[in-house]
Amino acid sequence: MFGENKVRFGLKNVHYAVATEGAGGKLTYGTPERYPGAVSLSLEPRGETSEFYADDRVYYATTVNNGYEGTYEAAELPLKFRVDVIGDQLDETTGVLTETANSKPKTIALMFEFDGDVKATRHVLYNVTVSRPGTSGETKTESTEPTTQELSFIAAPTVDGVVKRATTGTTTPEVYDAWYTKVFEPTVVPTP
């Protein structure tokens, strides 16, 4: 009916856009940048379910959507991402990258897509804060296995309560085709 996918597979086209917080906590976004080498991305819901018992049963249940906790694994952490988002400092004279205790990671929008049997579904998380990555490596043996970098992040609701948006089988070509040129923000926001 809507041209929906029956299955999901593959991760690609990961992008990020640095956010700036304005008056009242409203976020505005810079131009999306590609984050190449996507290996995996996982999102775990954040929020509690509360149950109220009366009349010897669950009388009322509610859930709170506090966004997601996630991890993104990629082939390598781009230098531009380290500087623009993590807050590391690059000395352009020597080419040395410095991580300091005073670095303040920036909030970003994180955009990505999963392939499907009909069409790739594109997603955007609007209020993402990443943790600095760890570092590890292994010696080479008779076969060489690349190591990857993994980022942990929290995707929280925006001040407007928006956590994530995704394309569907009915998304207009104008919106779908422009997904990675600008962070999607509808002109009319539905109210719950």
C-alpha atoms as a PDB file:
ATOM      1  CA  MET A   1       0.000   0.000   0.000  1.00  0.00           C
ATOM      2  CA  PHE A   2       2.753   2.492   0.928  1.00  0.00           C
ATOM      3  CA  GLY A   3       5.696   0.739  -0.749  1.00  0.00           C
ATOM      4  CA  GLU A   4       7.058  -0.278   2.643  1.00  0.00           C
ATOM      5  CA  ASN A   5      10.171  -2.386   3.163  1.00  0.00           C
ATOM      6  CA  LYS A   6       9.689  -5.934   4.397  1.00  0.00           C
ATOM      7  CA  VAL A   7      13.302  -6.255   5.554  1.00  0.00           C
ATOM      8  CA  ARG A   8      16.153  -3.988   6.621  1.00  0.00           C
ATOM      9  CA  PHE A   9      19.837  -4.567   5.949  1.00  0.00           C
ATOM     10  CA  GLY A  10      23.000  -2.589   5.435  1.00  0.00           C
ATOM     11  CA  LEU A  11      24.095   0.717   6.963  1.00  0.00           C
ATOM     12  CA  LYS A  12      25.432   3.561   4.858  1.00  0.00           C
ATOM     13  CA  ASN A  13      25.444   7.312   4.238  1.00  0.00           C
ATOM     14  CA  VAL A  14      26.218   8.314   7.813  1.00  0.00           C
ATOM     15  CA  HIS A  15      26.410  12.084   8.127  1.00  0.00           C
ATOM     16  CA  TYR A  16      26.567  14.547  11.000  1.00  0.00           C
ATOM     17  CA  ALA A  17      25.721  18.225  11.324  1.00  0.00           C
ATOM     18  CA  VAL A  18      27.052  20.353  14.170  1.00  0.00           C
ATOM     19  CA  ALA A  19      24.260  22.007  16.143  1.00  0.00           C
ATOM     20  CA  THR A  20      24.227  25.425  17.737  1.00  0.00           C
ATOM     21  CA  GLU A  21      21.885  26.125  20.635  1.00  0.00           C
ATOM     22  CA  GLY A  22      19.937  29.344  20.378  1.00  0.00           C
ATOM     23  CA  ALA A  23      17.400  31.162  22.510  1.00  0.00           C
ATOM     24  CA  GLY A  24      15.132  28.859  24.454  1.00  0.00           C
ATOM     25  CA  GLY A  25      17.294  25.808  23.694  1.00  0.00           C
ATOM     26  CA  LYS A  26      16.310  25.655  20.006  1.00  0.00           C
ATOM     27  CA  LEU A  27      18.952  23.894  17.904  1.00  0.00           C
ATOM     28  CA  THR A  28      20.054  25.046  14.469  1.00  0.00           C
ATOM     29  CA  TYR A  29      22.285  22.886  12.295  1.00  0.00           C
ATOM     30  CA  GLY A  30      25.278  23.438  10.066  1.00  0.00           C
ATOM     31  CA  THR A  31      25.806  21.714   6.737  1.00  0.00           C
ATOM     32  CA  PRO A  32      25.894  17.909   7.040  1.00  0.00           C
ATOM     33  CA  GLU A  33      29.317  16.274   6.705  1.00  0.00           C
ATOM     34  CA  ARG A  34      29.849  12.681   5.603  1.00  0.00           C
ATOM     35  CA  TYR A  35      31.233  10.237   8.195  1.00  0.00           C
ATOM     36  CA  PRO A  36      32.631   7.436   5.996  1.00  0.00           C
ATOM     37  CA  GLY A  37      33.348   3.803   6.831  1.00  0.00           C
ATOM     38  CA  ALA A  38      30.080   2.801   8.526  1.00  0.00           C
ATOM     39  CA  VAL A  39      30.296  -0.681  10.087  1.00  0.00           C
ATOM     40  CA  SER A  40      27.371  -0.768  12.540  1.00  0.00           C
ATOM     41  CA  LEU A  41      24.957   1.438  14.431  1.00  0.00           C
ATOM     42  CA  SER A  42      22.727   0.413  17.309  1.00  0.00           C
ATOM     43  CA  LEU A  43      20.117   2.333  19.285  1.00  0.00           C
ATOM     44  CA  GLU A  44      18.697   1.278  22.651  1.00  0.00           C
ATOM     45  CA  PRO A  45      15.623   3.143  23.943  1.00  0.00           C
ATOM     46  CA  ARG A  46      16.021   5.338  27.043  1.00  0.00           C
ATOM     47  CA  GLY A  47      13.076   5.893  29.331  1.00  0.00           C
ATOM     48  CA  GLU A  48      11.045   4.211  32.011  1.00  0.00           C
ATOM     49  CA  THR A  49       7.735   2.434  32.016  1.00  0.00           C
ATOM     50  CA  SER A  50       5.638   3.220  35.060  1.00  0.00           C
ATOM     51  CA  GLU A  51       2.705   1.139  36.173  1.00  0.00           C
ATOM     52  CA  PHE A  52      -0.025   2.139  38.589  1.00  0.00           C
ATOM     53  CA  TYR A  53      -1.959  -0.688  40.219  1.00  0.00           C
ATOM     54  CA  ALA A  54      -5.583  -0.448  41.302  1.00  0.00           C
ATOM     55  CA  ASP A  55      -8.473  -2.889  41.401  1.00  0.00           C
ATOM     56  CA  ASP A  56      -5.946  -5.758  41.586  1.00  0.00           C
ATOM     57  CA  ARG A  57      -4.515  -5.045  38.122  1.00  0.00           C
ATOM     58  CA  VAL A  58      -2.409  -2.601  36.145  1.00  0.00           C
ATOM     59  CA  TYR A  59      -4.850   0.283  36.143  1.00  0.00           C
ATOM     60  CA  TYR A  60      -2.672   2.719  34.223  1.00  0.00           C
ATOM     61  CA  ALA A  61       0.691   2.391  32.456  1.00  0.00           C
ATOM     62  CA  THR A  62       2.820   5.087  30.905  1.00  0.00           C
ATOM     63  CA  THR A  63       6.200   5.296  29.249  1.00  0.00           C
ATOM     64  CA  VAL A  64       8.676   8.139  28.968  1.00  0.00           C
ATOM     65  CA  ASN A  65      10.649   8.595  25.742  1.00  0.00           C
ATOM     66  CA  ASN A  66      14.066   9.953  26.728  1.00  0.00           C
ATOM     67  CA  GLY A  67      15.574   9.166  23.338  1.00  0.00           C
ATOM     68  CA  TYR A  68      18.267   6.548  22.777  1.00  0.00           C
ATOM     69  CA  GLU A  69      21.670   5.374  23.893  1.00  0.00           C
ATOM     70  CA  GLY A  70      23.666   4.289  20.915  1.00  0.00           C
ATOM     71  CA  THR A  71      26.947   3.169  19.455  1.00  0.00           C
ATOM     72  CA  TYR A  72      28.348   3.842  16.027  1.00  0.00           C
ATOM     73  CA  GLU A  73      31.222   1.731  14.756  1.00  0.00           C
ATOM     74  CA  ALA A  74      33.222   2.941  11.768  1.00  0.00           C
ATOM     75  CA  ALA A  75      36.467   2.142  10.014  1.00  0.00           C
ATOM     76  CA  GLU A  76      38.201   5.259  11.362  1.00  0.00           C
ATOM     77  CA  LEU A  77      37.356   8.459  13.193  1.00  0.00           C
ATOM     78  CA  PRO A  78      37.760  11.358  10.722  1.00  0.00           C
ATOM     79  CA  LEU A  79      40.104  14.139  11.795  1.00  0.00           C
ATOM     80  CA  LYS A  80      37.434  16.751  10.948  1.00  0.00           C
ATOM     81  CA  PHE A  81      34.994  14.998  13.314  1.00  0.00           C
ATOM     82  CA  ARG A  82      37.617  14.914  16.107  1.00  0.00           C
ATOM     83  CA  VAL A  83      38.161  18.663  15.781  1.00  0.00           C
ATOM     84  CA  ASP A  84      34.627  19.874  14.964  1.00  0.00           C
ATOM     85  CA  VAL A  85      32.659  17.583  17.294  1.00  0.00           C
ATOM     86  CA  ILE A  86      34.887  15.967  19.949  1.00  0.00           C
ATOM     87  CA  GLY A  87      36.757  19.229  20.530  1.00  0.00           C
ATOM     88  CA  ASP A  88      40.330  18.030  19.965  1.00  0.00           C
ATOM     89  CA  GLN A  89      42.748  20.720  18.852  1.00  0.00           C
ATOM     90  CA  LEU A  90      44.848  20.468  15.697  1.00  0.00           C
ATOM     91  CA  ASP A  91      48.088  22.424  15.508  1.00  0.00           C
ATOM     92  CA  GLU A  92      48.180  23.177  11.806  1.00  0.00           C
ATOM     93  CA  THR A  93      51.894  24.067  11.966  1.00  0.00           C
ATOM     94  CA  THR A  94      53.017  20.678  13.304  1.00  0.00           C
ATOM     95  CA  GLY A  95      50.017  18.542  12.350  1.00  0.00           C
ATOM     96  CA  VAL A  96      49.714  17.276  15.940  1.00  0.00           C
ATOM     97  CA  LEU A  97      46.276  16.561  17.394  1.00  0.00           C
ATOM     98  CA  THR A  98      45.804  17.353  21.102  1.00  0.00           C
ATOM     99  CA  GLU A  99      43.064  16.053  23.373  1.00  0.00           C
ATOM    100  CA  THR A 100      42.585  18.159  26.499  1.00  0.00           C
ATOM    101  CA  ALA A 101      40.641  17.676  29.701  1.00  0.00           C
ATOM    102  CA  ASN A 102      38.748  20.891  28.896  1.00  0.00           C
ATOM    103  CA  SER A 103      37.399  19.740  25.517  1.00  0.00           C
ATOM    104  CA  LYS A 104      33.662  20.242  25.211  1.00  0.00           C
ATOM    105  CA  PRO A 105      31.982  17.948  22.666  1.00  0.00           C
ATOM    106  CA  LYS A 106      29.420  19.652  20.444  1.00  0.00           C
ATOM    107  CA  THR A 107      25.845  18.527  19.961  1.00  0.00           C
ATOM    108  CA  ILE A 108      25.125  17.117  16.511  1.00  0.00           C
ATOM    109  CA  ALA A 109      22.343  15.760  14.352  1.00  0.00           C
ATOM    110  CA  LEU A 110      23.228  12.225  13.231  1.00  0.00           C
ATOM    111  CA  MET A 111      21.881  11.061   9.881  1.00  0.00           C
ATOM    112  CA  PHE A 112      22.073   7.568   8.389  1.00  0.00           C
ATOM    113  CA  GLU A 113      20.191   5.034   6.329  1.00  0.00           C
ATOM    114  CA  PHE A 114      19.413   1.332   6.355  1.00  0.00           C
ATOM    115  CA  ASP A 115      18.837  -0.402   3.026  1.00  0.00           C
ATOM    116  CA  GLY A 116      15.590  -2.221   2.462  1.00  0.00           C
ATOM    117  CA  ASP A 117      14.055  -4.486  -0.137  1.00  0.00           C
ATOM    118  CA  VAL A 118      12.081  -1.557  -1.624  1.00  0.00           C
ATOM    119  CA  LYS A 119      13.989   1.635  -0.735  1.00  0.00           C
ATOM    120  CA  ALA A 120      16.539   2.757   1.854  1.00  0.00           C
ATOM    121  CA  THR A 121      15.024   4.311   4.978  1.00  0.00           C
ATOM    122  CA  ARG A 122      16.788   7.513   6.003  1.00  0.00           C
ATOM    123  CA  HIS A 123      16.914   8.596   9.646  1.00  0.00           C
ATOM    124  CA  VAL A 124      17.945  11.682  11.591  1.00  0.00           C
ATOM    125  CA  LEU A 125      18.551  11.968  15.336  1.00  0.00           C
ATOM    126  CA  TYR A 126      18.401  15.636  16.331  1.00  0.00           C
ATOM    127  CA  ASN A 127      20.086  16.096  19.716  1.00  0.00           C
ATOM    128  CA  VAL A 128      23.110  13.792  19.847  1.00  0.00           C
ATOM    129  CA  THR A 129      26.039  14.053  22.243  1.00  0.00           C
ATOM    130  CA  VAL A 130      28.999  11.748  21.607  1.00  0.00           C
ATOM    131  CA  SER A 131      31.544  10.440  24.089  1.00  0.00           C
ATOM    132  CA  ARG A 132      35.202  10.473  23.179  1.00  0.00           C
ATOM    133  CA  PRO A 133      36.278   7.147  21.724  1.00  0.00           C
ATOM    134  CA  GLY A 134      38.694   4.667  23.205  1.00  0.00           C
ATOM    135  CA  THR A 135      41.770   3.471  21.356  1.00  0.00           C
ATOM    136  CA  SER A 136      42.838  -0.096  20.728  1.00  0.00           C
ATOM    137  CA  GLY A 137      44.855  -2.089  18.238  1.00  0.00           C
ATOM    138  CA  GLU A 138      46.245  -5.542  17.674  1.00  0.00           C
ATOM    139  CA  THR A 139      49.389  -6.914  16.146  1.00  0.00           C
ATOM    140  CA  LYS A 140      49.284  -8.224  12.599  1.00  0.00           C
ATOM    141  CA  THR A 141      49.288 -11.981  12.134  1.00  0.00           C
ATOM    142  CA  GLU A 142      49.140 -14.097   8.961  1.00  0.00           C
ATOM    143  CA  SER A 143      45.947 -12.213   8.103  1.00  0.00           C
ATOM    144  CA  THR A 144      45.342  -8.521   8.614  1.00  0.00           C
ATOM    145  CA  GLU A 145      42.045  -7.542  10.220  1.00  0.00           C
ATOM    146  CA  PRO A 146      41.324  -3.812  10.328  1.00  0.00           C
ATOM    147  CA  THR A 147      40.435  -2.365  13.713  1.00  0.00           C
ATOM    148  CA  THR A 148      37.488  -0.020  14.012  1.00  0.00           C
ATOM    149  CA  GLN A 149      36.559   2.992  16.104  1.00  0.00           C
ATOM    150  CA  GLU A 150      33.393   2.994  18.175  1.00  0.00           C
ATOM    151  CA  LEU A 151      31.574   6.056  19.442  1.00  0.00           C
ATOM    152  CA  SER A 152      29.015   5.933  22.219  1.00  0.00           C
ATOM    153  CA  PHE A 153      26.326   8.576  22.152  1.00  0.00           C
ATOM    154  CA  ILE A 154      23.101   9.766  23.709  1.00  0.00           C
ATOM    155  CA  ALA A 155      20.283  10.937  21.433  1.00  0.00           C
ATOM    156  CA  ALA A 156      18.019  13.029  23.651  1.00  0.00           C
ATOM    157  CA  PRO A 157      14.771  14.816  22.788  1.00  0.00           C
ATOM    158  CA  THR A 158      15.069  18.398  21.571  1.00  0.00           C
ATOM    159  CA  VAL A 159      13.433  21.235  23.484  1.00  0.00           C
ATOM    160  CA  ASP A 160      10.412  20.608  21.203  1.00  0.00           C
ATOM    161  CA  GLY A 161      10.338  16.929  22.216  1.00  0.00           C
ATOM    162  CA  VAL A 162      11.555  15.583  18.849  1.00  0.00           C
ATOM    163  CA  VAL A 163      13.933  12.612  19.072  1.00  0.00           C
ATOM    164  CA  LYS A 164      14.099  11.119  15.578  1.00  0.00           C
ATOM    165  CA  ARG A 165      12.520  11.270  12.146  1.00  0.00           C
ATOM    166  CA  ALA A 166      12.687   8.743   9.303  1.00  0.00           C
ATOM    167  CA  THR A 167      11.581   8.541   5.715  1.00  0.00           C
ATOM    168  CA  THR A 168       8.765   6.201   4.681  1.00  0.00           C
ATOM    169  CA  GLY A 169       7.409   4.757   1.465  1.00  0.00           C
ATOM    170  CA  THR A 170       5.356   7.942   1.019  1.00  0.00           C
ATOM    171  CA  THR A 171       8.153  10.476   1.595  1.00  0.00           C
ATOM    172  CA  THR A 172       8.206  12.969  -1.266  1.00  0.00           C
ATOM    173  CA  PRO A 173      11.164  12.801  -3.687  1.00  0.00           C
ATOM    174  CA  GLU A 174      12.088  16.409  -2.773  1.00  0.00           C
ATOM    175  CA  VAL A 175      12.522  15.509   0.908  1.00  0.00           C
ATOM    176  CA  TYR A 176      14.135  12.119   0.260  1.00  0.00           C
ATOM    177  CA  ASP A 177      16.672  13.384  -2.294  1.00  0.00           C
ATOM    178  CA  ALA A 178      17.714  16.372  -0.137  1.00  0.00           C
ATOM    179  CA  TRP A 179      18.068  14.349   3.101  1.00  0.00           C
ATOM    180  CA  TYR A 180      21.868  14.774   3.351  1.00  0.00           C
ATOM    181  CA  THR A 181      22.121  18.349   2.081  1.00  0.00           C
ATOM    182  CA  LYS A 182      20.380  19.917   5.090  1.00  0.00           C
ATOM    183  CA  VAL A 183      19.014  18.523   8.370  1.00  0.00           C
ATOM    184  CA  PHE A 184      15.334  17.871   7.747  1.00  0.00           C
ATOM    185  CA  GLU A 185      13.072  20.138   9.757  1.00  0.00           C
ATOM    186  CA  PRO A 186       9.434  20.283   8.673  1.00  0.00           C
ATOM    187  CA  THR A 187       7.728  23.635   8.345  1.00  0.00           C
ATOM    188  CA  VAL A 188       4.729  22.284  10.248  1.00  0.00           C
ATOM    189  CA  VAL A 189       5.504  20.196  13.323  1.00  0.00           C
ATOM    190  CA  PRO A 190       2.769  17.752  14.363  1.00  0.00           C
ATOM    191  CA  THR A 191       1.605  18.094  17.945  1.00  0.00           C
ATOM    192  CA  PRO A 192       0.995  15.015  20.063  1.00  0.00           C
END
